[in-house]
PDB file of N, CA and C in Angstrom:
ATOM      1  N   UNK A   1      13.908  34.695  11.829  1.00  0.00           N
ATOM      2  CA  UNK A   1      13.506  34.031  13.098  1.00  0.00           C
ATOM      3  C   UNK A   1      13.210  32.552  12.742  1.00  0.00           C
ATOM      4  N   UNK A   2      13.810  31.666  13.497  1.00  0.00           N
ATOM      5  CA  UNK A   2      13.615  30.264  13.324  1.00  0.00           C
ATOM      6  C   UNK A   2      12.603  29.756  14.306  1.00  0.00           C
ATOM      7  N   UNK A   3      11.874  28.747  13.831  1.00  0.00           N
ATOM      8  CA  UNK A   3      10.865  28.142  14.760  1.00  0.00           C
ATOM      9  C   UNK A   3      11.426  26.806  15.200  1.00  0.00           C
ATOM     10  N   UNK A   4      11.290  26.534  16.471  1.00  0.00           N
ATOM     11  CA  UNK A   4      11.708  25.248  17.005  1.00  0.00           C
ATOM     12  C   UNK A   4      10.538  24.285  17.015  1.00  0.00           C
ATOM     13  N   UNK A   5      10.882  23.096  16.723  1.00  0.00           N
ATOM     14  CA  UNK A   5       9.905  22.043  16.767  1.00  0.00           C
ATOM     15  C   UNK A   5       9.672  21.560  18.191  1.00  0.00           C
ATOM     16  N   UNK A   6       8.467  21.690  18.662  1.00  0.00           N
ATOM     17  CA  UNK A   6       8.178  21.345  20.015  1.00  0.00           C
ATOM     18  C   UNK A   6       7.631  19.935  20.198  1.00  0.00           C
ATOM     19  N   UNK A   7       7.516  19.258  19.066  1.00  0.00           N
ATOM     20  CA  UNK A   7       6.943  17.902  19.122  1.00  0.00           C
ATOM     21  C   UNK A   7       7.965  16.899  19.737  1.00  0.00           C
ATOM     22  N   UNK A   8       7.456  15.990  20.480  1.00  0.00           N
ATOM     23  CA  UNK A   8       8.351  15.007  21.039  1.00  0.00           C
ATOM     24  C   UNK A   8       8.477  13.866  20.028  1.00  0.00           C
ATOM     25  N   UNK A   9       9.389  12.976  20.218  1.00  0.00           N
ATOM     26  CA  UNK A   9       9.522  11.800  19.299  1.00  0.00           C
ATOM     27  C   UNK A   9       8.405  10.856  19.607  1.00  0.00           C
ATOM     28  N   UNK A  10       8.039  10.122  18.537  1.00  0.00           N
ATOM     29  CA  UNK A  10       7.073   9.122  18.609  1.00  0.00           C
ATOM     30  C   UNK A  10       7.575   7.828  19.367  1.00  0.00           C
ATOM     31  N   UNK A  11       6.853   7.312  20.300  1.00  0.00           N
ATOM     32  CA  UNK A  11       7.309   6.089  20.881  1.00  0.00           C
ATOM     33  C   UNK A  11       6.887   4.921  19.974  1.00  0.00           C
ATOM     34  N   UNK A  12       7.281   3.710  20.367  1.00  0.00           N
ATOM     35  CA  UNK A  12       7.097   2.563  19.476  1.00  0.00           C
ATOM     36  C   UNK A  12       5.618   2.293  19.140  1.00  0.00           C
ATOM     37  N   UNK A  13       4.710   2.427  20.122  1.00  0.00           N
ATOM     38  CA  UNK A  13       3.320   2.193  19.872  1.00  0.00           C
ATOM     39  C   UNK A  13       2.712   3.146  18.842  1.00  0.00           C
ATOM     40  N   UNK A  14       3.114   4.402  18.960  1.00  0.00           N
ATOM     41  CA  UNK A  14       2.620   5.436  17.945  1.00  0.00           C
ATOM     42  C   UNK A  14       3.247   5.180  16.597  1.00  0.00           C
ATOM     43  N   UNK A  15       4.461   4.749  16.593  1.00  0.00           N
ATOM     44  CA  UNK A  15       5.147   4.459  15.291  1.00  0.00           C
ATOM     45  C   UNK A  15       4.350   3.346  14.605  1.00  0.00           C
ATOM     46  N   UNK A  16       3.982   2.284  15.338  1.00  0.00           N
ATOM     47  CA  UNK A  16       3.261   1.196  14.701  1.00  0.00           C
ATOM     48  C   UNK A  16       1.851   1.675  14.154  1.00  0.00           C
ATOM     49  N   UNK A  17       1.240   2.510  14.896  1.00  0.00           N
ATOM     50  CA  UNK A  17      -0.045   2.971  14.419  1.00  0.00           C
ATOM     51  C   UNK A  17       0.076   3.807  13.165  1.00  0.00           C
ATOM     52  N   UNK A  18       1.102   4.681  13.146  1.00  0.00           N
ATOM     53  CA  UNK A  18       1.332   5.520  11.957  1.00  0.00           C
ATOM     54  C   UNK A  18       1.673   4.639  10.772  1.00  0.00           C
ATOM     55  N   UNK A  19       2.526   3.648  10.971  1.00  0.00           N
ATOM     56  CA  UNK A  19       2.893   2.747   9.866  1.00  0.00           C
ATOM     57  C   UNK A  19       1.691   1.891   9.376  1.00  0.00           C
ATOM     58  N   UNK A  20       0.795   1.526  10.314  1.00  0.00           N
ATOM     59  CA  UNK A  20      -0.363   0.782   9.890  1.00  0.00           C
ATOM     60  C   UNK A  20      -1.285   1.649   9.000  1.00  0.00           C
ATOM     61  N   UNK A  21      -1.506   2.848   9.416  1.00  0.00           N
ATOM     62  CA  UNK A  21      -2.319   3.797   8.611  1.00  0.00           C
ATOM     63  C   UNK A  21      -1.680   4.089   7.248  1.00  0.00           C
ATOM     64  N   UNK A  22      -0.361   4.277   7.242  1.00  0.00           N
ATOM     65  CA  UNK A  22       0.297   4.570   5.994  1.00  0.00           C
ATOM     66  C   UNK A  22       0.211   3.345   5.024  1.00  0.00           C
ATOM     67  N   UNK A  23       0.435   2.161   5.524  1.00  0.00           N
ATOM     68  CA  UNK A  23       0.342   1.007   4.670  1.00  0.00           C
ATOM     69  C   UNK A  23      -1.089   0.795   4.115  1.00  0.00           C
ATOM     70  N   UNK A  24      -2.049   0.969   5.016  1.00  0.00           N
ATOM     71  CA  UNK A  24      -3.411   0.790   4.572  1.00  0.00           C
ATOM     72  C   UNK A  24      -3.734   1.716   3.482  1.00  0.00           C
ATOM     73  N   UNK A  25      -3.399   2.938   3.563  1.00  0.00           N
ATOM     74  CA  UNK A  25      -3.755   3.920   2.522  1.00  0.00           C
ATOM     75  C   UNK A  25      -2.917   3.706   1.252  1.00  0.00           C
ATOM     76  N   UNK A  26      -1.695   3.312   1.393  1.00  0.00           N
ATOM     77  CA  UNK A  26      -0.861   3.032   0.166  1.00  0.00           C
ATOM     78  C   UNK A  26      -1.492   1.891  -0.594  1.00  0.00           C
ATOM     79  N   UNK A  27      -1.824   0.826   0.098  1.00  0.00           N
ATOM     80  CA  UNK A  27      -2.384  -0.349  -0.594  1.00  0.00           C
ATOM     81  C   UNK A  27      -3.781  -0.039  -1.170  1.00  0.00           C
ATOM     82  N   UNK A  28      -4.563   0.750  -0.532  1.00  0.00           N
ATOM     83  CA  UNK A  28      -5.841   1.144  -1.013  1.00  0.00           C
ATOM     84  C   UNK A  28      -5.747   1.919  -2.319  1.00  0.00           C
ATOM     85  N   UNK A  29      -4.699   2.782  -2.393  1.00  0.00           N
ATOM     86  CA  UNK A  29      -4.552   3.622  -3.566  1.00  0.00           C
ATOM     87  C   UNK A  29      -3.883   2.920  -4.709  1.00  0.00           C
ATOM     88  N   UNK A  30      -3.032   1.990  -4.413  1.00  0.00           N
ATOM     89  CA  UNK A  30      -2.295   1.305  -5.492  1.00  0.00           C
ATOM     90  C   UNK A  30      -2.923   0.007  -6.004  1.00  0.00           C
ATOM     91  N   UNK A  31      -3.956  -0.476  -5.345  1.00  0.00           N
ATOM     92  CA  UNK A  31      -4.624  -1.716  -5.806  1.00  0.00           C
ATOM     93  C   UNK A  31      -5.083  -1.610  -7.239  1.00  0.00           C
ATOM     94  N   UNK A  32      -5.754  -0.541  -7.654  1.00  0.00           N
ATOM     95  CA  UNK A  32      -6.214  -0.524  -9.077  1.00  0.00           C
ATOM     96  C   UNK A  32      -5.056  -0.605 -10.090  1.00  0.00           C
ATOM     97  N   UNK A  33      -3.992   0.017  -9.742  1.00  0.00           N
ATOM     98  CA  UNK A  33      -2.843  -0.143 -10.684  1.00  0.00           C
ATOM     99  C   UNK A  33      -2.243  -1.519 -10.657  1.00  0.00           C
ATOM    100  N   UNK A  34      -2.224  -2.163  -9.572  1.00  0.00           N
ATOM    101  CA  UNK A  34      -1.674  -3.522  -9.525  1.00  0.00           C
ATOM    102  C   UNK A  34      -2.650  -4.474 -10.255  1.00  0.00           C
ATOM    103  N   UNK A  35      -3.951  -4.269 -10.133  1.00  0.00           N
ATOM    104  CA  UNK A  35      -4.908  -5.075 -10.875  1.00  0.00           C
ATOM    105  C   UNK A  35      -4.698  -4.937 -12.374  1.00  0.00           C
ATOM    106  N   UNK A  36      -4.588  -3.667 -12.767  1.00  0.00           N
ATOM    107  CA  UNK A  36      -4.368  -3.389 -14.221  1.00  0.00           C
ATOM    108  C   UNK A  36      -3.055  -3.973 -14.677  1.00  0.00           C
ATOM    109  N   UNK A  37      -1.991  -3.869 -13.920  1.00  0.00           N
ATOM    110  CA  UNK A  37      -0.721  -4.428 -14.353  1.00  0.00           C
ATOM    111  C   UNK A  37      -0.821  -5.949 -14.496  1.00  0.00           C
ATOM    112  N   UNK A  38      -1.412  -6.604 -13.524  1.00  0.00           N
ATOM    113  CA  UNK A  38      -1.601  -8.065 -13.660  1.00  0.00           C
ATOM    114  C   UNK A  38      -2.387  -8.488 -14.848  1.00  0.00           C
ATOM    115  N   UNK A  39      -3.569  -7.744 -15.032  1.00  0.00           N
ATOM    116  CA  UNK A  39      -4.381  -8.070 -16.189  1.00  0.00           C
ATOM    117  C   UNK A  39      -3.658  -7.825 -17.487  1.00  0.00           C
ATOM    118  N   UNK A  40      -2.898  -6.729 -17.524  1.00  0.00           N
ATOM    119  CA  UNK A  40      -2.139  -6.356 -18.753  1.00  0.00           C
ATOM    120  C   UNK A  40      -1.139  -7.520 -19.024  1.00  0.00           C
ATOM    121  N   UNK A  41      -0.406  -7.996 -18.050  1.00  0.00           N
ATOM    122  CA  UNK A  41       0.616  -8.956 -18.290  1.00  0.00           C
ATOM    123  C   UNK A  41      -0.028 -10.301 -18.757  1.00  0.00           C
ATOM    124  N   UNK A  42      -1.190 -10.659 -18.108  1.00  0.00           N
ATOM    125  CA  UNK A  42      -1.822 -11.927 -18.529  1.00  0.00           C
ATOM    126  C   UNK A  42      -2.458 -11.759 -19.875  1.00  0.00           C
ATOM    127  N   UNK A  43      -2.979 -10.614 -20.173  1.00  0.00           N
ATOM    128  CA  UNK A  43      -3.586 -10.393 -21.498  1.00  0.00           C
ATOM    129  C   UNK A  43      -2.579 -10.422 -22.588  1.00  0.00           C
ATOM    130  N   UNK A  44      -1.434  -9.774 -22.311  1.00  0.00           N
ATOM    131  CA  UNK A  44      -0.364  -9.735 -23.359  1.00  0.00           C
ATOM    132  C   UNK A  44       0.217 -11.181 -23.564  1.00  0.00           C
ATOM    133  N   UNK A  45       0.437 -11.916 -22.501  1.00  0.00           N
ATOM    134  CA  UNK A  45       0.980 -13.243 -22.615  1.00  0.00           C
ATOM    135  C   UNK A  45       0.069 -14.203 -23.252  1.00  0.00           C
ATOM    136  N   UNK A  46      -1.225 -13.973 -23.028  1.00  0.00           N
ATOM    137  CA  UNK A  46      -2.240 -14.919 -23.628  1.00  0.00           C
ATOM    138  C   UNK A  46      -2.648 -14.571 -24.988  1.00  0.00           C
ATOM    139  N   UNK A  47      -2.074 -13.535 -25.638  1.00  0.00           N
ATOM    140  CA  UNK A  47      -2.442 -13.132 -26.998  1.00  0.00           C
ATOM    141  C   UNK A  47      -3.815 -12.563 -27.046  1.00  0.00           C
ATOM    142  N   UNK A  48      -4.159 -11.774 -26.065  1.00  0.00           N
ATOM    143  CA  UNK A  48      -5.523 -11.186 -25.973  1.00  0.00           C
ATOM    144  C   UNK A  48      -5.743  -9.856 -26.717  1.00  0.00           C
ATOM    145  N   UNK A  49      -5.057  -9.662 -27.842  1.00  0.00           N
ATOM    146  CA  UNK A  49      -5.312  -8.502 -28.599  1.00  0.00           C
ATOM    147  C   UNK A  49      -4.299  -7.381 -28.342  1.00  0.00           C
ATOM    148  N   UNK A  50      -4.831  -6.146 -28.372  1.00  0.00           N
ATOM    149  CA  UNK A  50      -3.987  -4.929 -28.229  1.00  0.00           C
ATOM    150  C   UNK A  50      -3.208  -4.986 -26.873  1.00  0.00           C
ATOM    151  N   UNK A  51      -1.880  -4.976 -26.906  1.00  0.00           N
ATOM    152  CA  UNK A  51      -1.085  -5.079 -25.727  1.00  0.00           C
ATOM    153  C   UNK A  51      -0.882  -3.794 -24.942  1.00  0.00           C
ATOM    154  N   UNK A  52      -1.540  -2.698 -25.364  1.00  0.00           N
ATOM    155  CA  UNK A  52      -1.294  -1.399 -24.649  1.00  0.00           C
ATOM    156  C   UNK A  52      -1.970  -1.396 -23.297  1.00  0.00           C
ATOM    157  N   UNK A  53      -1.365  -0.710 -22.396  1.00  0.00           N
ATOM    158  CA  UNK A  53      -1.843  -0.638 -20.988  1.00  0.00           C
ATOM    159  C   UNK A  53      -3.249   0.055 -20.936  1.00  0.00           C
ATOM    160  N   UNK A  54      -3.409   1.079 -21.735  1.00  0.00           N
ATOM    161  CA  UNK A  54      -4.678   1.792 -21.820  1.00  0.00           C
ATOM    162  C   UNK A  54      -5.743   0.955 -22.336  1.00  0.00           C
ATOM    163  N   UNK A  55      -5.465   0.111 -23.361  1.00  0.00           N
ATOM    164  CA  UNK A  55      -6.473  -0.826 -23.892  1.00  0.00           C
ATOM    165  C   UNK A  55      -6.895  -1.819 -22.816  1.00  0.00           C
ATOM    166  N   UNK A  56      -5.931  -2.244 -22.020  1.00  0.00           N
ATOM    167  CA  UNK A  56      -6.275  -3.221 -20.900  1.00  0.00           C
ATOM    168  C   UNK A  56      -7.202  -2.511 -19.914  1.00  0.00           C
ATOM    169  N   UNK A  57      -6.872  -1.235 -19.575  1.00  0.00           N
ATOM    170  CA  UNK A  57      -7.696  -0.483 -18.699  1.00  0.00           C
ATOM    171  C   UNK A  57      -9.100  -0.333 -19.203  1.00  0.00           C
ATOM    172  N   UNK A  58      -9.293   0.011 -20.467  1.00  0.00           N
ATOM    173  CA  UNK A  58     -10.561   0.176 -21.048  1.00  0.00           C
ATOM    174  C   UNK A  58     -11.366  -1.186 -21.046  1.00  0.00           C
ATOM    175  N   UNK A  59     -10.623  -2.269 -21.316  1.00  0.00           N
ATOM    176  CA  UNK A  59     -11.304  -3.587 -21.320  1.00  0.00           C
ATOM    177  C   UNK A  59     -11.781  -3.933 -19.935  1.00  0.00           C
ATOM    178  N   UNK A  60     -10.963  -3.718 -18.900  1.00  0.00           N
ATOM    179  CA  UNK A  60     -11.404  -4.033 -17.518  1.00  0.00           C
ATOM    180  C   UNK A  60     -12.595  -3.182 -17.134  1.00  0.00           C
ATOM    181  N   UNK A  61     -12.536  -1.893 -17.447  1.00  0.00           N
ATOM    182  CA  UNK A  61     -13.599  -0.934 -17.050  1.00  0.00           C
ATOM    183  C   UNK A  61     -14.928  -1.292 -17.811  1.00  0.00           C
ATOM    184  N   UNK A  62     -14.818  -1.727 -19.054  1.00  0.00           N
ATOM    185  CA  UNK A  62     -16.037  -2.048 -19.769  1.00  0.00           C
ATOM    186  C   UNK A  62     -16.623  -3.370 -19.255  1.00  0.00           C
ATOM    187  N   UNK A  63     -15.775  -4.319 -19.040  1.00  0.00           N
ATOM    188  CA  UNK A  63     -16.233  -5.677 -18.638  1.00  0.00           C
ATOM    189  C   UNK A  63     -16.713  -5.714 -17.197  1.00  0.00           C
ATOM    190  N   UNK A  64     -15.995  -5.083 -16.310  1.00  0.00           N
ATOM    191  CA  UNK A  64     -16.331  -5.184 -14.849  1.00  0.00           C
ATOM    192  C   UNK A  64     -16.587  -3.935 -14.093  1.00  0.00           C
ATOM    193  N   UNK A  65     -16.376  -2.814 -14.765  1.00  0.00           N
ATOM    194  CA  UNK A  65     -16.571  -1.542 -14.103  1.00  0.00           C
ATOM    195  C   UNK A  65     -15.482  -1.238 -13.036  1.00  0.00           C
ATOM    196  N   UNK A  66     -15.816  -0.311 -12.160  1.00  0.00           N
ATOM    197  CA  UNK A  66     -14.855   0.067 -11.115  1.00  0.00           C
ATOM    198  C   UNK A  66     -14.626  -1.082 -10.109  1.00  0.00           C
ATOM    199  N   UNK A  67     -15.574  -1.975  -9.990  1.00  0.00           N
ATOM    200  CA  UNK A  67     -15.403  -3.111  -9.095  1.00  0.00           C
ATOM    201  C   UNK A  67     -14.296  -4.004  -9.539  1.00  0.00           C
ATOM    202  N   UNK A  68     -14.094  -4.032 -10.885  1.00  0.00           N
ATOM    203  CA  UNK A  68     -13.005  -4.896 -11.433  1.00  0.00           C
ATOM    204  C   UNK A  68     -11.691  -4.333 -11.018  1.00  0.00           C
ATOM    205  N   UNK A  69     -11.500  -2.982 -10.919  1.00  0.00           N
ATOM    206  CA  UNK A  69     -10.287  -2.408 -10.540  1.00  0.00           C
ATOM    207  C   UNK A  69     -10.001  -2.563  -9.015  1.00  0.00           C
ATOM    208  N   UNK A  70     -10.988  -2.727  -8.243  1.00  0.00           N
ATOM    209  CA  UNK A  70     -10.824  -2.885  -6.781  1.00  0.00           C
ATOM    210  C   UNK A  70     -10.871  -4.229  -6.257  1.00  0.00           C
ATOM    211  N   UNK A  71     -10.750  -5.239  -7.137  1.00  0.00           N
ATOM    212  CA  UNK A  71     -10.702  -6.615  -6.668  1.00  0.00           C
ATOM    213  C   UNK A  71      -9.547  -6.871  -5.771  1.00  0.00           C
ATOM    214  N   UNK A  72      -9.839  -7.445  -4.631  1.00  0.00           N
ATOM    215  CA  UNK A  72      -8.827  -7.767  -3.635  1.00  0.00           C
ATOM    216  C   UNK A  72      -8.333  -6.654  -2.735  1.00  0.00           C
ATOM    217  N   UNK A  73      -9.015  -5.511  -2.787  1.00  0.00           N
ATOM    218  CA  UNK A  73      -8.590  -4.392  -2.009  1.00  0.00           C
ATOM    219  C   UNK A  73      -8.743  -4.627  -0.509  1.00  0.00           C
ATOM    220  N   UNK A  74      -9.799  -5.291  -0.069  1.00  0.00           N
ATOM    221  CA  UNK A  74      -9.992  -5.504   1.337  1.00  0.00           C
ATOM    222  C   UNK A  74      -8.978  -6.422   1.947  1.00  0.00           C
ATOM    223  N   UNK A  75      -8.736  -7.635   1.401  1.00  0.00           N
ATOM    224  CA  UNK A  75      -7.691  -8.482   1.994  1.00  0.00           C
ATOM    225  C   UNK A  75      -6.337  -7.825   1.970  1.00  0.00           C
ATOM    226  N   UNK A  76      -6.077  -7.155   0.881  1.00  0.00           N
ATOM    227  CA  UNK A  76      -4.734  -6.542   0.718  1.00  0.00           C
ATOM    228  C   UNK A  76      -4.504  -5.427   1.776  1.00  0.00           C
ATOM    229  N   UNK A  77      -5.502  -4.568   1.976  1.00  0.00           N
ATOM    230  CA  UNK A  77      -5.321  -3.492   2.942  1.00  0.00           C
ATOM    231  C   UNK A  77      -5.311  -3.982   4.366  1.00  0.00           C
ATOM    232  N   UNK A  78      -6.058  -5.036   4.647  1.00  0.00           N
ATOM    233  CA  UNK A  78      -6.085  -5.624   5.978  1.00  0.00           C
ATOM    234  C   UNK A  78      -4.728  -6.228   6.272  1.00  0.00           C
ATOM    235  N   UNK A  79      -4.179  -6.975   5.333  1.00  0.00           N
ATOM    236  CA  UNK A  79      -2.906  -7.656   5.497  1.00  0.00           C
ATOM    237  C   UNK A  79      -1.797  -6.656   5.745  1.00  0.00           C
ATOM    238  N   UNK A  80      -1.773  -5.560   4.909  1.00  0.00           N
ATOM    239  CA  UNK A  80      -0.661  -4.642   5.049  1.00  0.00           C
ATOM    240  C   UNK A  80      -0.841  -3.717   6.299  1.00  0.00           C
ATOM    241  N   UNK A  81      -2.045  -3.381   6.694  1.00  0.00           N
ATOM    242  CA  UNK A  81      -2.228  -2.603   7.859  1.00  0.00           C
ATOM    243  C   UNK A  81      -1.911  -3.358   9.160  1.00  0.00           C
ATOM    244  N   UNK A  82      -2.170  -4.648   9.167  1.00  0.00           N
ATOM    245  CA  UNK A  82      -1.715  -5.492  10.275  1.00  0.00           C
ATOM    246  C   UNK A  82      -0.226  -5.591  10.383  1.00  0.00           C
ATOM    247  N   UNK A  83       0.408  -5.578   9.240  1.00  0.00           N
ATOM    248  CA  UNK A  83       1.869  -5.620   9.209  1.00  0.00           C
ATOM    249  C   UNK A  83       2.490  -4.439   9.901  1.00  0.00           C
ATOM    250  N   UNK A  84       1.883  -3.211   9.801  1.00  0.00           N
ATOM    251  CA  UNK A  84       2.417  -2.078  10.552  1.00  0.00           C
ATOM    252  C   UNK A  84       2.307  -2.196  12.015  1.00  0.00           C
ATOM    253  N   UNK A  85       1.372  -3.002  12.531  1.00  0.00           N
ATOM    254  CA  UNK A  85       1.158  -3.149  13.918  1.00  0.00           C
ATOM    255  C   UNK A  85       2.000  -4.349  14.493  1.00  0.00           C
ATOM    256  N   UNK A  86       2.079  -5.419  13.655  1.00  0.00           N
ATOM    257  CA  UNK A  86       2.639  -6.677  14.150  1.00  0.00           C
ATOM    258  C   UNK A  86       4.169  -6.794  14.022  1.00  0.00           C
ATOM    259  N   UNK A  87       4.799  -5.866  13.309  1.00  0.00           N
ATOM    260  CA  UNK A  87       6.296  -6.000  13.177  1.00  0.00           C
ATOM    261  C   UNK A  87       6.948  -5.255  14.328  1.00  0.00           C
ATOM    262  N   UNK A  88       7.259  -5.984  15.390  1.00  0.00           N
ATOM    263  CA  UNK A  88       7.774  -5.295  16.566  1.00  0.00           C
ATOM    264  C   UNK A  88       9.202  -4.777  16.376  1.00  0.00           C
ATOM    265  N   UNK A  89       9.927  -5.256  15.428  1.00  0.00           N
ATOM    266  CA  UNK A  89      11.371  -4.832  15.301  1.00  0.00           C
ATOM    267  C   UNK A  89      11.475  -3.349  14.857  1.00  0.00           C
ATOM    268  N   UNK A  90      10.446  -2.812  14.282  1.00  0.00           N
ATOM    269  CA  UNK A  90      10.512  -1.368  13.841  1.00  0.00           C
ATOM    270  C   UNK A  90      10.589  -0.502  15.091  1.00  0.00           C
ATOM    271  N   UNK A  91       9.755  -0.750  16.086  1.00  0.00           N
ATOM    272  CA  UNK A  91       9.769  -0.011  17.296  1.00  0.00           C
ATOM    273  C   UNK A  91      10.894  -0.348  18.233  1.00  0.00           C
ATOM    274  N   UNK A  92      11.362  -1.601  18.135  1.00  0.00           N
ATOM    275  CA  UNK A  92      12.365  -2.046  19.048  1.00  0.00           C
ATOM    276  C   UNK A  92      13.694  -1.315  18.685  1.00  0.00           C
ATOM    277  N   UNK A  93      13.956  -1.155  17.424  1.00  0.00           N
ATOM    278  CA  UNK A  93      15.219  -0.496  17.043  1.00  0.00           C
ATOM    279  C   UNK A  93      15.334   0.940  17.603  1.00  0.00           C
ATOM    280  N   UNK A  94      14.254   1.717  17.448  1.00  0.00           N
ATOM    281  CA  UNK A  94      14.240   3.133  17.955  1.00  0.00           C
ATOM    282  C   UNK A  94      14.334   3.090  19.481  1.00  0.00           C
ATOM    283  N   UNK A  95      13.685   2.164  20.155  1.00  0.00           N
ATOM    284  CA  UNK A  95      13.765   2.092  21.604  1.00  0.00           C
ATOM    285  C   UNK A  95      15.162   1.771  22.118  1.00  0.00           C
ATOM    286  N   UNK A  96      15.838   0.836  21.465  1.00  0.00           N
ATOM    287  CA  UNK A  96      17.179   0.413  21.867  1.00  0.00           C
ATOM    288  C   UNK A  96      18.129   1.574  21.583  1.00  0.00           C
ATOM    289  N   UNK A  97      17.957   2.246  20.439  1.00  0.00           N
ATOM    290  CA  UNK A  97      18.823   3.421  20.189  1.00  0.00           C
ATOM    291  C   UNK A  97      18.654   4.521  21.265  1.00  0.00           C
ATOM    292  N   UNK A  98      17.442   4.710  21.636  1.00  0.00           N
ATOM    293  CA  UNK A  98      17.180   5.795  22.648  1.00  0.00           C
ATOM    294  C   UNK A  98      17.827   5.377  23.987  1.00  0.00           C
ATOM    295  N   UNK A  99      17.711   4.182  24.321  1.00  0.00           N
ATOM    296  CA  UNK A  99      18.193   3.697  25.675  1.00  0.00           C
ATOM    297  C   UNK A  99      19.736   3.731  25.694  1.00  0.00           C
ATOM    298  N   UNK A 100      20.364   3.334  24.601  1.00  0.00           N
ATOM    299  CA  UNK A 100      21.793   3.310  24.518  1.00  0.00           C
ATOM    300  C   UNK A 100      22.412   4.625  24.329  1.00  0.00           C
ATOM    301  N   UNK A 101      21.704   5.631  23.930  1.00  0.00           N
ATOM    302  CA  UNK A 101      22.342   6.949  23.695  1.00  0.00           C
ATOM    303  C   UNK A 101      22.256   7.846  24.924  1.00  0.00           C
TER     304      UNK A 101
END
């Protein structure tokens, strides 16, 4: 027995909201990795000792704690979540396709 999907398609406004939430969560989760990557590159280029990624992570955690890993998380998440709402072409494409079909 197969189940039919009874959900309707998302309109443009709902699509923007979903994209905004997705982008916000993605940026919130990947910020610590981006901070570590940037610190690792700067530390390796500047001759700051052991160039391993784990050594860089230990250094950041010892020197600054968890706050060091979350530097810039607020501006980054706000910027990306606004992008999901402010890019009208994403919803426009689906609306035009629906009207023309």
